Amino acid sequence: MYASPGQLNKQATFCSQGNALAGTVGSAILTSWMGMWALAGDEVDRAQQIAQKSSHLAVIPYQLGVLDSMTIQYLDGGKTRTFQIEHIDDPDEMKWQLKIYCFEINQNAGSAS
C-alpha cells in the first residue's frame, strides 16, 4: 500500500549522524517530502520484529542514499522534531516509496504539547 501524494505533507531533512559526545551535529544530506505516522499498538508489535525502539513510520518517495544511520528532522508547529532511523524498507522492491521505521530523539515526554 502506498501513501498518496497528499499524505506526504512534511518537508524533511535527512542528516548524517553527528557525534553527540563531541557536540557535533550531522550534515544535511537531502530534503524530501514525507508523511509521518505514529505506530498504533499492533503496528508497534510488528515493528518490534524490525527494531526495538520504532515508534513512528515515515514514508518518502524513493531516494538513493537514505541510510539507517541518518536522522530525520522536520518543523512541526515551530518546533524541530528529530527522529533516528532504525530500519528502511522498500516493501514492493519497485523503487516507488520507502517506508522508514524510526523513533523520536531529544523529546521531552513530560512536556505539554
C-alpha atoms as a PDB file:
ATOM      1  CA  MET A   1       0.000   0.000   0.000  1.00  0.00           C
ATOM      2  CA  TYR A   2       1.322   3.410  -0.986  1.00  0.00           C
ATOM      3  CA  ALA A   3       0.938   6.765   0.726  1.00  0.00           C
ATOM      4  CA  SER A   4      -0.880   9.209  -1.547  1.00  0.00           C
ATOM      5  CA  PRO A   5       0.978  12.350  -2.637  1.00  0.00           C
ATOM      6  CA  GLY A   6      -1.301  14.448  -0.377  1.00  0.00           C
ATOM      7  CA  GLN A   7      -0.157  12.461   2.666  1.00  0.00           C
ATOM      8  CA  LEU A   8       3.483  13.449   2.028  1.00  0.00           C
ATOM      9  CA  ASN A   9       2.857  16.814   3.677  1.00  0.00           C
ATOM     10  CA  LYS A  10       6.024  17.444   5.699  1.00  0.00           C
ATOM     11  CA  GLN A  11       9.285  18.705   4.291  1.00  0.00           C
ATOM     12  CA  ALA A  12      12.004  16.663   5.972  1.00  0.00           C
ATOM     13  CA  THR A  13      15.763  16.937   6.049  1.00  0.00           C
ATOM     14  CA  PHE A  14      17.832  13.763   6.246  1.00  0.00           C
ATOM     15  CA  CYS A  15      21.111  14.281   8.093  1.00  0.00           C
ATOM     16  CA  SER A  16      24.243  12.242   8.550  1.00  0.00           C
ATOM     17  CA  GLN A  17      24.794  11.095  12.094  1.00  0.00           C
ATOM     18  CA  GLY A  18      26.706  13.583  14.228  1.00  0.00           C
ATOM     19  CA  ASN A  19      28.776  12.800  17.292  1.00  0.00           C
ATOM     20  CA  ALA A  20      26.833  13.715  20.427  1.00  0.00           C
ATOM     21  CA  LEU A  21      29.910  13.202  22.636  1.00  0.00           C
ATOM     22  CA  ALA A  22      31.915  15.665  20.556  1.00  0.00           C
ATOM     23  CA  GLY A  23      28.961  18.046  20.298  1.00  0.00           C
ATOM     24  CA  THR A  24      28.774  17.856  16.510  1.00  0.00           C
ATOM     25  CA  VAL A  25      25.564  17.882  14.523  1.00  0.00           C
ATOM     26  CA  GLY A  26      25.192  15.802  11.383  1.00  0.00           C
ATOM     27  CA  SER A  27      25.262  17.442   7.980  1.00  0.00           C
ATOM     28  CA  ALA A  28      22.133  17.781   5.850  1.00  0.00           C
ATOM     29  CA  ILE A  29      22.287  15.188   3.069  1.00  0.00           C
ATOM     30  CA  LEU A  30      18.926  15.535   1.314  1.00  0.00           C
ATOM     31  CA  THR A  31      15.488  17.094   1.648  1.00  0.00           C
ATOM     32  CA  SER A  32      12.284  15.288   0.711  1.00  0.00           C
ATOM     33  CA  TRP A  33       8.534  15.426   1.193  1.00  0.00           C
ATOM     34  CA  MET A  34       7.451  12.928   3.831  1.00  0.00           C
ATOM     35  CA  GLY A  35       4.407  11.517   5.576  1.00  0.00           C
ATOM     36  CA  MET A  36       4.814  10.639   9.283  1.00  0.00           C
ATOM     37  CA  TRP A  37       2.569   8.419  11.387  1.00  0.00           C
ATOM     38  CA  ALA A  38       2.778   7.212  14.974  1.00  0.00           C
ATOM     39  CA  LEU A  39       2.594   3.429  15.040  1.00  0.00           C
ATOM     40  CA  ALA A  40      -0.510   2.022  16.738  1.00  0.00           C
ATOM     41  CA  GLY A  41      -0.430  -0.920  19.165  1.00  0.00           C
ATOM     42  CA  ASP A  42      -0.391  -3.836  16.737  1.00  0.00           C
ATOM     43  CA  GLU A  43       1.874  -1.947  14.330  1.00  0.00           C
ATOM     44  CA  VAL A  44       4.356  -1.396  17.163  1.00  0.00           C
ATOM     45  CA  ASP A  45       4.250  -5.119  17.917  1.00  0.00           C
ATOM     46  CA  ARG A  46       5.091  -5.875  14.281  1.00  0.00           C
ATOM     47  CA  ALA A  47       7.726  -3.139  14.221  1.00  0.00           C
ATOM     48  CA  GLN A  48       9.357  -4.697  17.293  1.00  0.00           C
ATOM     49  CA  GLN A  49      10.444  -7.508  14.996  1.00  0.00           C
ATOM     50  CA  ILE A  50      12.314  -4.903  12.931  1.00  0.00           C
ATOM     51  CA  ALA A  51      13.671  -2.665  15.667  1.00  0.00           C
ATOM     52  CA  GLN A  52      13.113  -2.474  19.400  1.00  0.00           C
ATOM     53  CA  LYS A  53      12.556   1.297  19.554  1.00  0.00           C
ATOM     54  CA  SER A  54      10.465   2.041  16.440  1.00  0.00           C
ATOM     55  CA  SER A  55       7.565   4.316  17.316  1.00  0.00           C
ATOM     56  CA  HIS A  56       6.891   6.129  14.039  1.00  0.00           C
ATOM     57  CA  LEU A  57       6.611   5.289  10.360  1.00  0.00           C
ATOM     58  CA  ALA A  58       7.821   7.783   7.777  1.00  0.00           C
ATOM     59  CA  VAL A  59       7.099   7.385   4.073  1.00  0.00           C
ATOM     60  CA  ILE A  60       9.027   9.239   1.361  1.00  0.00           C
ATOM     61  CA  PRO A  61       9.337   8.951  -2.400  1.00  0.00           C
ATOM     62  CA  TYR A  62      12.154   6.535  -3.225  1.00  0.00           C
ATOM     63  CA  GLN A  63      15.551   8.171  -2.709  1.00  0.00           C
ATOM     64  CA  LEU A  64      19.017   6.732  -3.219  1.00  0.00           C
ATOM     65  CA  GLY A  65      21.401   7.279  -0.350  1.00  0.00           C
ATOM     66  CA  VAL A  66      18.998   7.101   2.603  1.00  0.00           C
ATOM     67  CA  LEU A  67      20.792   5.121   5.327  1.00  0.00           C
ATOM     68  CA  ASP A  68      19.713   3.711   8.682  1.00  0.00           C
ATOM     69  CA  SER A  69      22.482   5.725  10.345  1.00  0.00           C
ATOM     70  CA  MET A  70      20.750   9.001   9.429  1.00  0.00           C
ATOM     71  CA  THR A  71      18.380  11.209  11.346  1.00  0.00           C
ATOM     72  CA  ILE A  72      15.247  12.917  10.035  1.00  0.00           C
ATOM     73  CA  GLN A  73      14.324  16.464  11.019  1.00  0.00           C
ATOM     74  CA  TYR A  74      11.184  18.437  10.248  1.00  0.00           C
ATOM     75  CA  LEU A  75       9.430  21.518  11.588  1.00  0.00           C
ATOM     76  CA  ASP A  76       6.185  20.789  13.451  1.00  0.00           C
ATOM     77  CA  GLY A  77       4.338  23.832  14.783  1.00  0.00           C
ATOM     78  CA  GLY A  78       7.508  25.878  15.144  1.00  0.00           C
ATOM     79  CA  LYS A  79       9.390  23.060  16.901  1.00  0.00           C
ATOM     80  CA  THR A  80      12.036  20.932  15.196  1.00  0.00           C
ATOM     81  CA  ARG A  81      11.429  17.232  15.722  1.00  0.00           C
ATOM     82  CA  THR A  82      14.281  14.766  15.219  1.00  0.00           C
ATOM     83  CA  PHE A  83      13.971  11.042  14.561  1.00  0.00           C
ATOM     84  CA  GLN A  84      16.628   8.334  14.435  1.00  0.00           C
ATOM     85  CA  ILE A  85      16.133   5.881  11.580  1.00  0.00           C
ATOM     86  CA  GLU A  86      16.004   2.240  12.690  1.00  0.00           C
ATOM     87  CA  HIS A  87      15.060   0.418   9.502  1.00  0.00           C
ATOM     88  CA  ILE A  88      14.373   1.286   5.864  1.00  0.00           C
ATOM     89  CA  ASP A  89      12.078  -0.835   3.719  1.00  0.00           C
ATOM     90  CA  ASP A  90      11.215  -0.832   0.008  1.00  0.00           C
ATOM     91  CA  PRO A  91       8.240  -3.192   0.501  1.00  0.00           C
ATOM     92  CA  ASP A  92       7.459  -3.956  -3.135  1.00  0.00           C
ATOM     93  CA  GLU A  93      11.051  -3.507  -4.407  1.00  0.00           C
ATOM     94  CA  MET A  94       9.708  -1.254  -7.167  1.00  0.00           C
ATOM     95  CA  LYS A  95      11.673   1.826  -6.013  1.00  0.00           C
ATOM     96  CA  TRP A  96       8.470   3.854  -5.651  1.00  0.00           C
ATOM     97  CA  GLN A  97       8.374   4.740  -1.937  1.00  0.00           C
ATOM     98  CA  LEU A  98      10.467   3.980   1.128  1.00  0.00           C
ATOM     99  CA  LYS A  99       8.963   3.066   4.483  1.00  0.00           C
ATOM    100  CA  ILE A 100      11.214   4.243   7.288  1.00  0.00           C
ATOM    101  CA  TYR A 101      10.788   2.962  10.844  1.00  0.00           C
ATOM    102  CA  CYS A 102      12.203   5.424  13.365  1.00  0.00           C
ATOM    103  CA  PHE A 103      11.948   6.783  16.898  1.00  0.00           C
ATOM    104  CA  GLU A 104      11.955  10.350  18.200  1.00  0.00           C
ATOM    105  CA  ILE A 105      15.072  11.586  19.957  1.00  0.00           C
ATOM    106  CA  ASN A 106      15.553  14.607  22.209  1.00  0.00           C
ATOM    107  CA  GLN A 107      11.880  14.610  23.121  1.00  0.00           C
ATOM    108  CA  ASN A 108      10.603  15.770  26.463  1.00  0.00           C
ATOM    109  CA  ALA A 109       7.938  13.225  27.344  1.00  0.00           C
ATOM    110  CA  GLY A 110       6.802  15.277  30.340  1.00  0.00           C
ATOM    111  CA  SER A 111       6.072  18.477  28.462  1.00  0.00           C
ATOM    112  CA  ALA A 112       2.625  19.612  27.419  1.00  0.00           C
ATOM    113  CA  SER A 113       2.272  19.766  23.652  1.00  0.00           C
END
